[in-house]
Amino acid sequence: MELFNYNEPFELENGDILPKVTIAYHTYGTLNRDKSNVIWICHALTANSDAEAWWPGVVGKKGFVAPSKYFIVCANILGSCYGTTGPLTVDPATEQPYFSSFPMITIRDMVKAHIALRQHLGIEKIHLLMGGSMGGYQALEWAAIENEKIENLFLVGTSATESAWGIAVHTSQRLAIEADATWRFHNENAGQNGLKAARAIGVITYRNYGILVDKQTDPDAEKLDNYRASSYIVYQGNKLASRFNAFSYWLLTKSMDSHHLGRGRGGKAEVVLQTLRQKTLIIGIGSDILCPLHEQELLAQHIPNSTLMEIDSPYGHDGFITEAEKISRALHEWL
């Protein structure tokens, strides 16, 4: 992991200013002579800049996005807890971590940080910009802001605006965090039990009825407690709480709620989509209940040079991670 220190005031979309920003990022492979082999990956909610670790089969030696061929960049998003400036960063004004005082951020603020890193790396053209879920939000925003610098666009399990359904899910998750009595404590473990509950809510939407019934049904009809499905949900909550932070989770779900390509651009996301000139591959997961296929159909309907593909997967929204082989093959055939 590398760090880029942007030592200038960083103005956020809401007018707040961060005095400086640190951006954590990974690169893989070698930039070719004419700098035409750049692939930039935007990551989802709780991932980090090490795309080779969280997207195996798509990124790395065994995936389409291979370091032997491409110069690959992935930056940790603003507000996260994996190296980029966020709630656990020390506020220069107080010399204490921001915690709950960290200002609200949007997807556009994350993209603004990506652009600062792009400029720092001397990259003028991105051959392929790609992202799934919240990563797709960033990729779409970036394509709208720097249309001429992005040649190809890959979007999976994502949408042009956050839906009322998504906002409702995120609000439920934040209520779970806020119900934790430790939530407002000023230490990095504050809200950890609330984070476990928030993740439990999330897991139900990342998967679906079919996959949970198939994988987590108990064969023992005599059971009265300690069900397999319950253990699975508790495990997922504990797993996230051991590696992520409640302040970041609360903040980043707020940033997803604000996602709307039409904001400040006339109000209609469809009109903005029509301005995107990149060759675009859009993949939807048929069983996705968090960002269902009709969201990707809307993207394909309005992005002029786009191709829509549906992947049959039982894994719901998580299919954008679990179906790495199908995604890598689709990228190869398309690009």
Foldseek 3Di string as FASTA:
>chain_A
DDKDKAQDWQAAPVGDTQRIKIKDKDKAADQDDVSQFEEEFEEDQQDARPCCVQFPLCEDPNFLNYNPGHIYMYIGFDQWDPTIDHQCDQRPVVRHGNQLVPDFHALVSRLVVVVVVCVVVVRQAHAEYEYEASRQLNQLLNCLVCVPRYAEYEYELYFQAQDPLLLVLLVVLVVLQVPQPQRPPRDQLGSLRSQLVSQLSVQPQQADDVVCCVPFADPDPPDDDDGSSVVVSSVRSVVSSVPTTPSSSNRVSSNRNGRHCCVVPPNDSLVSLLPRDHQYEYEYECQRPNRHPVRSVSSVVRNDNYDYDYDYDNGHSCCVRVVSNVVRVVVVVRD
